[in-house]
């Protein structure tokens, strides 16, 4: 039976979350401000945070905000795709499993990074901030990406690293596989009804193979 895979981008395909945190603190330090506390930053991961945006804008102004965005985009192009995700993309390509990207970031920002990694054409669609009124944990992004795959939500596996992202996938009726990283590993996923968490590549493939047969 047909199945599909939807990937989050930030922290799932590349370690862009750490990269953005470092860019923020570099620009704060360059302008004489103390670093942003890591827990404050983590609260914003996977969604929008007007509070964090306002905090940064108040201290370094619009020029500083632009500098952060430019540095983040430039340095993200130096990052590599997580090896297990690259293997998963190869597996889906070889087995004709359709894939999409659902990200709370803007598509215009993410697409050049996917192109740089050489994987952009592997996705049926890339759904981003431009496409919805509300980002994760609202399920709208996943619902759009799921419609692009033309599959029932129950046949789709969403690969996520954050609580906000996992909640969005579950609320869209999809199977959330949570793969945390150094930035999200200590988040509390206790209230998220995920399908699996922090499993190996081989275990992911076992799940996909079983779903295809079932």
N, C-alpha and C. Protein backbone atom coordinates (compact mmCIF):
# COMPACT_ATOMS: atom_id res chain seq x y z
N UNK A 1 0.83 -1.20 0.00
CA UNK A 1 0.00 0.00 0.00
C UNK A 1 0.87 1.25 0.00
N UNK A 2 0.36 2.31 -0.57
CA UNK A 2 1.14 3.54 -0.68
C UNK A 2 1.30 4.22 0.68
N UNK A 3 2.49 4.75 0.89
CA UNK A 3 2.77 5.56 2.07
C UNK A 3 3.54 6.79 1.62
N UNK A 4 3.66 7.77 2.51
CA UNK A 4 4.41 8.98 2.20
C UNK A 4 5.19 9.44 3.41
N UNK A 5 6.15 10.31 3.16
CA UNK A 5 7.00 10.86 4.23
C UNK A 5 7.05 12.38 4.08
N UNK A 6 6.84 13.08 5.19
CA UNK A 6 6.99 14.53 5.20
C UNK A 6 8.09 14.88 6.19
N UNK A 7 9.04 15.67 5.75
CA UNK A 7 10.15 16.07 6.59
C UNK A 7 10.01 17.52 7.03
N UNK A 8 10.23 17.75 8.31
CA UNK A 8 10.50 19.10 8.78
C UNK A 8 11.86 19.50 8.21
N UNK A 9 12.19 20.78 8.27
CA UNK A 9 13.50 21.20 7.77
C UNK A 9 14.48 21.52 8.89
N UNK A 10 14.21 22.58 9.64
CA UNK A 10 15.16 23.06 10.65
C UNK A 10 15.34 22.04 11.76
N UNK A 11 16.57 21.58 11.94
CA UNK A 11 16.87 20.61 12.98
C UNK A 11 16.57 19.19 12.60
N UNK A 12 15.92 18.98 11.46
CA UNK A 12 15.60 17.64 10.98
C UNK A 12 16.47 17.26 9.79
N UNK A 13 16.56 18.17 8.82
CA UNK A 13 17.40 17.92 7.65
C UNK A 13 18.83 18.42 7.89
N UNK A 14 18.96 19.61 8.46
CA UNK A 14 20.27 20.15 8.85
C UNK A 14 20.17 20.75 10.25
N UNK A 15 21.33 20.99 10.86
CA UNK A 15 21.36 21.55 12.22
C UNK A 15 21.27 23.08 12.17
N UNK A 16 20.21 23.56 11.56
CA UNK A 16 20.05 25.01 11.39
C UNK A 16 19.61 25.70 12.68
N UNK A 17 19.06 24.95 13.62
CA UNK A 17 18.63 25.57 14.88
C UNK A 17 19.83 26.06 15.69
N UNK A 18 20.86 25.23 15.80
CA UNK A 18 22.09 25.66 16.46
C UNK A 18 22.74 26.80 15.70
N UNK A 19 22.67 26.70 14.37
CA UNK A 19 23.28 27.73 13.53
C UNK A 19 22.63 29.09 13.76
N UNK A 20 21.30 29.12 13.85
CA UNK A 20 20.59 30.39 14.07
C UNK A 20 20.89 30.93 15.47
N UNK A 21 20.92 30.07 16.46
CA UNK A 21 21.23 30.50 17.82
C UNK A 21 22.61 31.16 17.88
N UNK A 22 23.57 30.56 17.19
CA UNK A 22 24.91 31.14 17.16
C UNK A 22 24.94 32.47 16.43
N UNK A 23 24.18 32.58 15.34
CA UNK A 23 24.13 33.83 14.58
C UNK A 23 23.51 34.95 15.41
N UNK A 24 22.47 34.62 16.16
CA UNK A 24 21.83 35.62 17.02
C UNK A 24 22.83 36.13 18.06
N UNK A 25 23.50 35.21 18.72
CA UNK A 25 24.41 35.62 19.79
C UNK A 25 25.64 36.35 19.27
N UNK A 26 26.09 35.99 18.10
CA UNK A 26 27.23 36.71 17.51
C UNK A 26 26.86 38.16 17.24
N UNK A 27 25.67 38.36 16.69
CA UNK A 27 25.26 39.73 16.37
C UNK A 27 24.89 40.52 17.62
N UNK A 28 24.36 39.86 18.63
CA UNK A 28 24.13 40.54 19.91
C UNK A 28 25.46 40.98 20.52
N UNK A 29 26.44 40.07 20.53
CA UNK A 29 27.75 40.38 21.11
C UNK A 29 28.46 41.48 20.34
N UNK A 30 28.36 41.46 19.01
CA UNK A 30 29.01 42.48 18.18
C UNK A 30 28.49 43.87 18.49
N UNK A 31 27.25 43.93 19.02
CA UNK A 31 26.64 45.23 19.31
C UNK A 31 26.56 45.49 20.82
N UNK A 32 27.35 44.73 21.58
CA UNK A 32 27.51 45.00 23.01
C UNK A 32 26.44 44.44 23.92
N UNK A 33 25.73 43.41 23.49
CA UNK A 33 24.67 42.84 24.31
C UNK A 33 25.05 41.44 24.78
N UNK A 34 24.49 41.04 25.89
CA UNK A 34 24.78 39.72 26.43
C UNK A 34 24.08 38.64 25.58
N UNK A 35 24.59 37.43 25.64
CA UNK A 35 24.01 36.35 24.83
C UNK A 35 22.56 36.04 25.22
N UNK A 36 21.82 35.54 24.27
CA UNK A 36 20.46 35.07 24.52
C UNK A 36 20.53 33.75 25.27
N UNK A 37 19.76 33.63 26.33
CA UNK A 37 19.76 32.39 27.09
C UNK A 37 19.20 31.24 26.24
N UNK A 38 19.84 30.09 26.36
CA UNK A 38 19.48 28.96 25.52
C UNK A 38 18.03 28.52 25.73
N UNK A 39 17.53 28.57 26.96
CA UNK A 39 16.17 28.13 27.21
C UNK A 39 15.15 29.08 26.58
N UNK A 40 15.49 30.36 26.52
CA UNK A 40 14.61 31.32 25.85
C UNK A 40 14.54 31.00 24.36
N UNK A 41 15.68 30.67 23.78
CA UNK A 41 15.71 30.32 22.36
C UNK A 41 14.95 29.03 22.09
N UNK A 42 15.16 28.03 22.92
CA UNK A 42 14.51 26.73 22.71
C UNK A 42 12.99 26.85 22.70
N UNK A 43 12.45 27.77 23.47
CA UNK A 43 11.00 27.94 23.52
C UNK A 43 10.43 28.37 22.18
N UNK A 44 11.26 28.92 21.31
CA UNK A 44 10.80 29.42 20.01
C UNK A 44 10.98 28.41 18.89
N UNK A 45 11.68 27.32 19.16
CA UNK A 45 12.03 26.38 18.09
C UNK A 45 10.79 25.70 17.52
N UNK A 46 10.70 25.68 16.22
CA UNK A 46 9.62 24.98 15.55
C UNK A 46 8.35 25.78 15.36
N UNK A 47 8.37 27.06 15.76
CA UNK A 47 7.18 27.89 15.61
C UNK A 47 7.61 29.34 15.48
N UNK A 48 6.65 30.26 15.57
CA UNK A 48 6.97 31.68 15.58
C UNK A 48 7.03 32.18 17.03
N UNK A 49 7.83 33.22 17.25
CA UNK A 49 7.94 33.77 18.60
C UNK A 49 8.04 35.29 18.53
N UNK A 50 6.91 35.98 18.57
CA UNK A 50 6.93 37.44 18.57
C UNK A 50 7.74 38.00 19.73
N UNK A 51 7.72 37.30 20.86
CA UNK A 51 8.47 37.76 22.03
C UNK A 51 9.96 37.78 21.75
N UNK A 52 10.46 36.69 21.18
CA UNK A 52 11.89 36.62 20.86
C UNK A 52 12.25 37.62 19.79
N UNK A 53 11.40 37.74 18.76
CA UNK A 53 11.67 38.71 17.70
C UNK A 53 11.73 40.12 18.27
N UNK A 54 10.80 40.43 19.17
CA UNK A 54 10.79 41.76 19.78
C UNK A 54 12.00 42.00 20.65
N UNK A 55 12.44 40.98 21.37
CA UNK A 55 13.62 41.08 22.23
C UNK A 55 14.85 41.45 21.40
N UNK A 56 15.02 40.76 20.27
CA UNK A 56 16.19 41.01 19.42
C UNK A 56 16.10 42.38 18.75
N UNK A 57 14.91 42.69 18.21
CA UNK A 57 14.71 43.97 17.52
C UNK A 57 14.98 45.14 18.46
N UNK A 58 14.53 45.04 19.69
CA UNK A 58 14.72 46.12 20.65
C UNK A 58 16.19 46.40 20.92
N UNK A 59 17.01 45.36 20.86
CA UNK A 59 18.41 45.51 21.21
C UNK A 59 19.30 45.88 20.03
N UNK A 60 19.03 45.34 18.87
CA UNK A 60 19.96 45.58 17.76
C UNK A 60 19.30 46.19 16.52
N UNK A 61 18.01 46.45 16.59
CA UNK A 61 17.34 47.14 15.51
C UNK A 61 17.17 46.32 14.24
N UNK A 62 16.53 46.92 13.25
CA UNK A 62 16.24 46.22 12.00
C UNK A 62 17.51 45.83 11.26
N UNK A 63 18.53 46.68 11.34
CA UNK A 63 19.80 46.36 10.67
C UNK A 63 20.42 45.10 11.26
N UNK A 64 20.36 44.99 12.58
CA UNK A 64 20.89 43.81 13.24
C UNK A 64 20.09 42.56 12.91
N UNK A 65 18.77 42.70 12.85
CA UNK A 65 17.91 41.57 12.49
C UNK A 65 18.25 41.09 11.08
N UNK A 66 18.44 42.03 10.15
CA UNK A 66 18.82 41.65 8.78
C UNK A 66 20.18 40.95 8.77
N UNK A 67 21.09 41.43 9.60
CA UNK A 67 22.43 40.83 9.66
C UNK A 67 22.36 39.39 10.14
N UNK A 68 21.49 39.14 11.12
CA UNK A 68 21.31 37.77 11.61
C UNK A 68 20.78 36.88 10.49
N UNK A 69 19.75 37.35 9.79
CA UNK A 69 19.15 36.55 8.72
C UNK A 69 20.15 36.26 7.62
N UNK A 70 20.93 37.26 7.24
CA UNK A 70 21.92 37.07 6.18
C UNK A 70 23.01 36.09 6.59
N UNK A 71 23.50 36.25 7.83
CA UNK A 71 24.54 35.34 8.30
C UNK A 71 24.01 33.91 8.43
N UNK A 72 22.80 33.79 8.92
CA UNK A 72 22.19 32.47 9.07
C UNK A 72 22.04 31.77 7.72
N UNK A 73 21.51 32.48 6.73
CA UNK A 73 21.33 31.88 5.41
C UNK A 73 22.67 31.50 4.79
N UNK A 74 23.67 32.38 4.95
CA UNK A 74 24.98 32.10 4.36
C UNK A 74 25.65 30.89 5.01
N UNK A 75 25.63 30.85 6.32
CA UNK A 75 26.32 29.76 7.01
C UNK A 75 25.56 28.44 6.93
N UNK A 76 24.24 28.50 6.76
CA UNK A 76 23.48 27.26 6.58
C UNK A 76 23.89 26.54 5.30
N UNK A 77 24.33 27.29 4.32
CA UNK A 77 24.78 26.68 3.07
C UNK A 77 26.06 25.87 3.25
N UNK A 78 26.71 26.04 4.41
CA UNK A 78 27.91 25.28 4.71
C UNK A 78 27.60 23.99 5.48
N UNK A 79 26.35 23.84 5.90
CA UNK A 79 25.96 22.67 6.68
C UNK A 79 25.62 21.50 5.77
N UNK A 80 25.84 20.30 6.28
CA UNK A 80 25.51 19.09 5.54
C UNK A 80 24.22 18.48 6.07
N UNK A 81 23.56 17.73 5.22
CA UNK A 81 22.36 17.01 5.61
C UNK A 81 22.75 15.94 6.63
N UNK A 82 21.91 15.76 7.64
CA UNK A 82 22.14 14.68 8.59
C UNK A 82 22.26 13.36 7.82
N UNK A 83 23.26 12.53 8.11
CA UNK A 83 23.45 11.28 7.35
C UNK A 83 22.23 10.36 7.35
N UNK A 84 21.54 10.23 8.48
CA UNK A 84 20.39 9.32 8.52
C UNK A 84 19.24 9.85 7.67
N UNK A 85 19.14 11.17 7.54
CA UNK A 85 18.09 11.75 6.70
C UNK A 85 18.44 11.57 5.23
N UNK A 86 19.70 11.73 4.90
CA UNK A 86 20.13 11.51 3.52
C UNK A 86 19.86 10.06 3.11
N UNK A 87 20.13 9.13 4.00
CA UNK A 87 19.84 7.72 3.72
C UNK A 87 18.34 7.49 3.58
N UNK A 88 17.55 8.16 4.40
CA UNK A 88 16.10 8.02 4.32
C UNK A 88 15.57 8.55 2.99
N UNK A 89 16.10 9.70 2.57
CA UNK A 89 15.69 10.26 1.27
C UNK A 89 16.05 9.30 0.14
N UNK A 90 17.24 8.72 0.19
CA UNK A 90 17.65 7.74 -0.82
C UNK A 90 16.71 6.54 -0.82
N UNK A 91 16.35 6.08 0.36
CA UNK A 91 15.45 4.93 0.47
C UNK A 91 14.09 5.25 -0.14
N UNK A 92 13.56 6.41 0.18
CA UNK A 92 12.24 6.80 -0.35
C UNK A 92 12.29 6.95 -1.87
N UNK A 93 13.37 7.54 -2.36
CA UNK A 93 13.52 7.69 -3.81
C UNK A 93 13.54 6.34 -4.50
N UNK A 94 14.34 5.42 -3.96
CA UNK A 94 14.49 4.09 -4.57
C UNK A 94 13.20 3.27 -4.49
N UNK A 95 12.40 3.52 -3.45
CA UNK A 95 11.17 2.76 -3.27
C UNK A 95 9.93 3.51 -3.71
N UNK A 96 10.15 4.64 -4.40
CA UNK A 96 9.05 5.43 -4.96
C UNK A 96 8.04 5.85 -3.89
N UNK A 97 8.56 6.24 -2.74
CA UNK A 97 7.73 6.78 -1.66
C UNK A 97 7.75 8.30 -1.77
N UNK A 98 6.63 8.94 -2.03
CA UNK A 98 6.63 10.39 -2.22
C UNK A 98 6.97 11.13 -0.92
N UNK A 99 7.68 12.24 -1.08
CA UNK A 99 8.12 13.03 0.07
C UNK A 99 7.75 14.49 -0.14
N UNK A 100 7.58 15.19 0.98
CA UNK A 100 7.35 16.63 0.97
C UNK A 100 8.08 17.23 2.17
N UNK A 101 8.21 18.55 2.16
CA UNK A 101 8.78 19.28 3.29
C UNK A 101 7.70 20.18 3.86
N UNK A 102 7.58 20.20 5.19
CA UNK A 102 6.66 21.12 5.87
C UNK A 102 7.45 21.86 6.94
N UNK A 103 7.64 23.15 6.75
CA UNK A 103 8.49 23.93 7.64
C UNK A 103 7.81 25.23 8.06
N UNK A 104 8.05 25.64 9.30
CA UNK A 104 7.54 26.92 9.77
C UNK A 104 8.37 28.08 9.24
N UNK A 105 9.52 27.77 8.64
CA UNK A 105 10.33 28.80 8.00
C UNK A 105 9.75 29.15 6.64
N UNK A 106 10.25 30.22 6.07
CA UNK A 106 9.76 30.64 4.76
C UNK A 106 10.37 29.76 3.66
N UNK A 107 9.54 29.38 2.73
CA UNK A 107 9.97 28.54 1.63
C UNK A 107 11.09 29.19 0.83
N UNK A 108 11.02 30.52 0.68
CA UNK A 108 12.03 31.22 -0.10
C UNK A 108 13.41 31.15 0.56
N UNK A 109 13.43 30.91 1.86
CA UNK A 109 14.69 30.76 2.59
C UNK A 109 15.18 29.31 2.52
N UNK A 110 14.26 28.37 2.64
CA UNK A 110 14.61 26.96 2.71
C UNK A 110 14.98 26.37 1.36
N UNK A 111 14.31 26.78 0.31
CA UNK A 111 14.53 26.17 -1.00
C UNK A 111 15.98 26.26 -1.47
N UNK A 112 16.66 27.41 -1.35
CA UNK A 112 18.07 27.45 -1.77
C UNK A 112 18.96 26.47 -0.98
N UNK A 113 18.61 26.24 0.28
CA UNK A 113 19.39 25.30 1.09
C UNK A 113 19.18 23.87 0.61
N UNK A 114 17.93 23.54 0.27
CA UNK A 114 17.65 22.20 -0.27
C UNK A 114 18.33 22.01 -1.62
N UNK A 115 18.34 23.06 -2.43
CA UNK A 115 19.02 22.99 -3.72
C UNK A 115 20.52 22.81 -3.53
N UNK A 116 21.06 23.50 -2.54
CA UNK A 116 22.49 23.39 -2.26
C UNK A 116 22.87 21.98 -1.81
N UNK A 117 21.95 21.33 -1.09
CA UNK A 117 22.19 19.96 -0.64
C UNK A 117 21.96 18.93 -1.75
N UNK A 118 21.37 19.38 -2.85
CA UNK A 118 21.13 18.48 -3.98
C UNK A 118 19.93 17.57 -3.80
N UNK A 119 18.99 17.94 -2.93
CA UNK A 119 17.84 17.08 -2.65
C UNK A 119 16.50 17.76 -2.95
N UNK A 120 16.51 18.97 -3.44
CA UNK A 120 15.27 19.73 -3.62
C UNK A 120 14.30 19.00 -4.55
N UNK A 121 14.81 18.42 -5.60
CA UNK A 121 13.95 17.77 -6.59
C UNK A 121 13.36 16.45 -6.10
N UNK A 122 13.80 15.99 -4.94
CA UNK A 122 13.26 14.74 -4.41
C UNK A 122 11.89 14.94 -3.76
N UNK A 123 11.47 16.18 -3.58
CA UNK A 123 10.22 16.45 -2.87
C UNK A 123 9.11 16.88 -3.82
N UNK A 124 7.93 16.32 -3.57
CA UNK A 124 6.75 16.69 -4.34
C UNK A 124 6.43 18.17 -4.13
N UNK A 125 6.60 18.62 -2.89
CA UNK A 125 6.33 20.02 -2.59
C UNK A 125 7.12 20.46 -1.37
N UNK A 126 7.23 21.78 -1.22
CA UNK A 126 7.84 22.39 -0.04
C UNK A 126 6.82 23.39 0.49
N UNK A 127 6.29 23.10 1.65
CA UNK A 127 5.29 23.98 2.25
C UNK A 127 5.92 24.78 3.38
N UNK A 128 5.76 26.11 3.32
CA UNK A 128 6.38 26.97 4.30
C UNK A 128 5.46 28.06 4.81
N UNK A 129 6.06 28.98 5.54
CA UNK A 129 5.32 30.05 6.22
C UNK A 129 4.40 30.83 5.29
N UNK A 130 4.80 30.96 4.03
CA UNK A 130 3.99 31.74 3.08
C UNK A 130 2.63 31.10 2.80
N UNK A 131 2.52 29.80 3.08
CA UNK A 131 1.34 29.05 2.65
C UNK A 131 0.21 29.02 3.67
N UNK A 132 0.47 29.47 4.89
CA UNK A 132 -0.53 29.31 5.95
C UNK A 132 -0.68 30.57 6.79
N UNK A 133 -1.80 30.65 7.47
CA UNK A 133 -2.00 31.75 8.41
C UNK A 133 -1.26 31.49 9.72
N UNK A 134 -1.28 30.23 10.15
CA UNK A 134 -0.62 29.84 11.40
C UNK A 134 0.36 28.70 11.15
N UNK A 135 1.55 28.80 11.72
CA UNK A 135 2.55 27.75 11.57
C UNK A 135 2.41 26.73 12.71
N UNK A 136 3.31 25.78 12.76
CA UNK A 136 3.30 24.77 13.81
C UNK A 136 3.32 25.44 15.19
N UNK A 137 2.58 24.90 16.15
CA UNK A 137 1.94 23.57 16.21
C UNK A 137 0.57 23.45 15.53
N UNK A 138 0.12 24.49 14.85
CA UNK A 138 -1.09 24.37 14.05
C UNK A 138 -0.84 23.34 12.94
N UNK A 139 -1.80 22.50 12.62
CA UNK A 139 -1.59 21.43 11.64
C UNK A 139 -1.67 21.85 10.18
N UNK A 140 -1.91 23.14 9.90
CA UNK A 140 -2.17 23.56 8.52
C UNK A 140 -1.06 23.18 7.55
N UNK A 141 0.20 23.36 7.94
CA UNK A 141 1.31 23.03 7.05
C UNK A 141 1.30 21.55 6.68
N UNK A 142 1.06 20.71 7.67
CA UNK A 142 1.04 19.27 7.39
C UNK A 142 -0.17 18.86 6.56
N UNK A 143 -1.28 19.52 6.78
CA UNK A 143 -2.46 19.19 5.97
C UNK A 143 -2.22 19.54 4.50
N UNK A 144 -1.58 20.68 4.25
CA UNK A 144 -1.28 21.05 2.88
C UNK A 144 -0.28 20.08 2.25
N UNK A 145 0.78 19.75 2.98
CA UNK A 145 1.78 18.83 2.44
C UNK A 145 1.18 17.45 2.22
N UNK A 146 0.30 17.03 3.12
CA UNK A 146 -0.36 15.74 2.95
C UNK A 146 -1.24 15.71 1.71
N UNK A 147 -1.94 16.81 1.46
CA UNK A 147 -2.77 16.90 0.25
C UNK A 147 -1.89 16.85 -0.99
N UNK A 148 -0.72 17.43 -0.93
CA UNK A 148 0.21 17.39 -2.07
C UNK A 148 0.64 15.96 -2.37
N UNK A 149 0.77 15.14 -1.33
CA UNK A 149 1.15 13.74 -1.53
C UNK A 149 -0.03 12.89 -1.98
N UNK A 150 -1.25 13.44 -1.84
CA UNK A 150 -2.47 12.75 -2.25
C UNK A 150 -2.63 11.42 -1.51
N UNK A 151 -2.37 11.47 -0.20
CA UNK A 151 -2.49 10.28 0.64
C UNK A 151 -3.30 10.60 1.88
N UNK A 152 -3.92 9.57 2.43
CA UNK A 152 -4.61 9.74 3.71
C UNK A 152 -3.58 10.04 4.80
N UNK A 153 -3.91 10.91 5.74
CA UNK A 153 -2.95 11.24 6.80
C UNK A 153 -2.38 10.02 7.52
N UNK A 154 -3.20 9.00 7.72
CA UNK A 154 -2.75 7.81 8.45
C UNK A 154 -1.68 7.03 7.69
N UNK A 155 -1.51 7.34 6.40
CA UNK A 155 -0.49 6.66 5.59
C UNK A 155 0.79 7.48 5.49
N UNK A 156 0.85 8.57 6.23
CA UNK A 156 2.00 9.47 6.13
C UNK A 156 2.78 9.49 7.44
N UNK A 157 4.11 9.47 7.31
CA UNK A 157 5.00 9.60 8.46
C UNK A 157 5.69 10.95 8.40
N UNK A 158 5.60 11.67 9.50
CA UNK A 158 6.22 12.99 9.61
C UNK A 158 7.46 12.88 10.48
N UNK A 159 8.59 13.35 9.96
CA UNK A 159 9.84 13.31 10.70
C UNK A 159 10.08 14.68 11.31
N UNK A 160 10.13 14.74 12.63
CA UNK A 160 10.20 16.01 13.35
C UNK A 160 11.23 15.95 14.48
N UNK A 161 11.70 17.12 14.91
CA UNK A 161 12.65 17.17 16.03
C UNK A 161 12.13 17.98 17.21
N UNK A 162 10.99 18.65 17.06
CA UNK A 162 10.50 19.54 18.12
C UNK A 162 9.12 19.15 18.59
N UNK A 163 8.76 19.66 19.77
CA UNK A 163 7.42 19.46 20.30
C UNK A 163 6.39 20.14 19.40
N UNK A 164 6.65 21.38 19.02
CA UNK A 164 5.70 22.12 18.17
C UNK A 164 5.46 21.40 16.86
N UNK A 165 6.50 20.93 16.23
CA UNK A 165 6.36 20.23 14.96
C UNK A 165 5.64 18.90 15.10
N UNK A 166 5.99 18.16 16.14
CA UNK A 166 5.35 16.86 16.36
C UNK A 166 3.87 17.01 16.64
N UNK A 167 3.51 18.03 17.43
CA UNK A 167 2.10 18.28 17.70
C UNK A 167 1.35 18.61 16.41
N UNK A 168 1.97 19.40 15.55
CA UNK A 168 1.32 19.76 14.28
C UNK A 168 1.03 18.52 13.45
N UNK A 169 2.00 17.61 13.38
CA UNK A 169 1.82 16.38 12.59
C UNK A 169 0.72 15.51 13.18
N UNK A 170 0.75 15.33 14.49
CA UNK A 170 -0.27 14.50 15.15
C UNK A 170 -1.66 15.11 14.97
N UNK A 171 -1.75 16.43 15.09
CA UNK A 171 -3.05 17.09 14.93
C UNK A 171 -3.56 16.99 13.50
N UNK A 172 -2.66 16.76 12.55
CA UNK A 172 -3.06 16.55 11.16
C UNK A 172 -3.41 15.09 10.89
N UNK A 173 -3.33 14.26 11.92
CA UNK A 173 -3.69 12.85 11.78
C UNK A 173 -2.58 11.97 11.27
N UNK A 174 -1.34 12.46 11.30
CA UNK A 174 -0.20 11.72 10.76
C UNK A 174 0.60 11.03 11.86
N UNK A 175 1.50 10.17 11.44
CA UNK A 175 2.35 9.42 12.34
C UNK A 175 3.65 10.18 12.54
N UNK A 176 3.87 10.71 13.73
CA UNK A 176 5.06 11.51 13.99
C UNK A 176 6.20 10.64 14.51
N UNK A 177 7.31 10.66 13.79
CA UNK A 177 8.54 10.04 14.26
C UNK A 177 9.46 11.17 14.71
N UNK A 178 9.74 11.20 15.99
CA UNK A 178 10.52 12.28 16.58
C UNK A 178 11.99 11.88 16.63
N UNK A 179 12.82 12.68 15.98
CA UNK A 179 14.27 12.47 16.01
C UNK A 179 14.90 13.74 16.56
N UNK A 180 15.19 13.73 17.84
CA UNK A 180 15.72 14.93 18.47
C UNK A 180 17.20 15.11 18.17
N UNK A 181 17.71 16.30 18.50
CA UNK A 181 19.11 16.63 18.31
C UNK A 181 19.64 17.28 19.58
N UNK A 182 20.85 17.81 19.51
CA UNK A 182 21.44 18.43 20.70
C UNK A 182 20.60 19.59 21.24
N UNK A 183 19.90 20.27 20.35
CA UNK A 183 19.11 21.42 20.76
C UNK A 183 17.74 21.03 21.34
N UNK A 184 17.19 19.90 20.89
CA UNK A 184 15.83 19.54 21.28
C UNK A 184 15.74 18.28 22.13
N UNK A 185 16.88 17.67 22.41
CA UNK A 185 16.88 16.38 23.10
C UNK A 185 16.28 16.40 24.49
N UNK A 186 16.35 17.55 25.18
CA UNK A 186 15.81 17.62 26.53
C UNK A 186 14.41 18.22 26.59
N UNK A 187 13.77 18.41 25.44
CA UNK A 187 12.40 18.90 25.44
C UNK A 187 11.45 17.84 25.98
N UNK A 188 10.36 18.28 26.58
CA UNK A 188 9.37 17.37 27.15
C UNK A 188 8.33 17.00 26.09
N UNK A 189 8.41 15.78 25.59
CA UNK A 189 7.48 15.29 24.58
C UNK A 189 6.37 14.43 25.21
N UNK A 190 6.26 14.50 26.55
CA UNK A 190 5.34 13.62 27.25
C UNK A 190 3.89 13.73 26.83
N UNK A 191 3.47 14.90 26.35
CA UNK A 191 2.07 15.10 25.95
C UNK A 191 1.86 14.93 24.45
N UNK A 192 2.90 14.49 23.75
CA UNK A 192 2.80 14.30 22.30
C UNK A 192 2.56 12.81 22.00
N UNK A 193 1.53 12.51 21.26
CA UNK A 193 1.22 11.12 20.93
C UNK A 193 1.99 10.71 19.67
N UNK A 194 3.30 10.69 19.79
CA UNK A 194 4.15 10.34 18.65
C UNK A 194 4.12 8.83 18.38
N UNK A 195 4.52 8.47 17.17
CA UNK A 195 4.56 7.07 16.76
C UNK A 195 5.81 6.38 17.29
N UNK A 196 6.94 7.11 17.22
CA UNK A 196 8.21 6.59 17.72
C UNK A 196 9.12 7.77 18.00
N UNK A 197 10.14 7.54 18.83
CA UNK A 197 11.03 8.63 19.21
C UNK A 197 12.47 8.15 19.31
N UNK A 198 13.36 8.93 18.71
CA UNK A 198 14.80 8.70 18.77
C UNK A 198 15.18 7.26 18.46
N UNK A 199 14.70 6.80 17.32
CA UNK A 199 15.01 5.46 16.86
C UNK A 199 16.07 5.53 15.77
N UNK A 200 16.65 4.40 15.45
CA UNK A 200 17.71 4.34 14.45
C UNK A 200 17.14 4.37 13.04
N UNK A 201 18.03 4.59 12.08
CA UNK A 201 17.62 4.56 10.68
C UNK A 201 17.00 3.21 10.33
N UNK A 202 17.64 2.13 10.76
CA UNK A 202 17.12 0.79 10.45
C UNK A 202 15.73 0.60 11.03
N UNK A 203 15.47 1.14 12.21
CA UNK A 203 14.14 1.01 12.82
C UNK A 203 13.11 1.82 12.04
N UNK A 204 13.51 2.98 11.52
CA UNK A 204 12.60 3.76 10.68
C UNK A 204 12.21 2.96 9.45
N UNK A 205 13.18 2.35 8.82
CA UNK A 205 12.91 1.56 7.61
C UNK A 205 12.00 0.38 7.92
N UNK A 206 12.19 -0.26 9.06
CA UNK A 206 11.32 -1.36 9.46
C UNK A 206 9.87 -0.89 9.58
N UNK A 207 9.68 0.29 10.16
CA UNK A 207 8.34 0.85 10.30
C UNK A 207 7.72 1.15 8.94
N UNK A 208 8.49 1.76 8.05
CA UNK A 208 7.97 2.09 6.72
C UNK A 208 7.65 0.82 5.93
N UNK A 209 8.52 -0.18 6.00
CA UNK A 209 8.28 -1.42 5.29
C UNK A 209 7.01 -2.10 5.79
N UNK A 210 6.83 -2.10 7.12
CA UNK A 210 5.64 -2.73 7.70
C UNK A 210 4.37 -1.99 7.26
N UNK A 211 4.44 -0.67 7.22
CA UNK A 211 3.27 0.12 6.81
C UNK A 211 2.94 -0.11 5.35
N UNK A 212 3.96 -0.28 4.53
CA UNK A 212 3.71 -0.56 3.11
C UNK A 212 2.98 -1.90 2.93
N UNK A 213 3.32 -2.87 3.75
CA UNK A 213 2.71 -4.19 3.66
C UNK A 213 1.31 -4.21 4.27
N UNK A 214 1.07 -3.32 5.25
CA UNK A 214 -0.17 -3.37 6.00
C UNK A 214 -1.32 -2.62 5.35
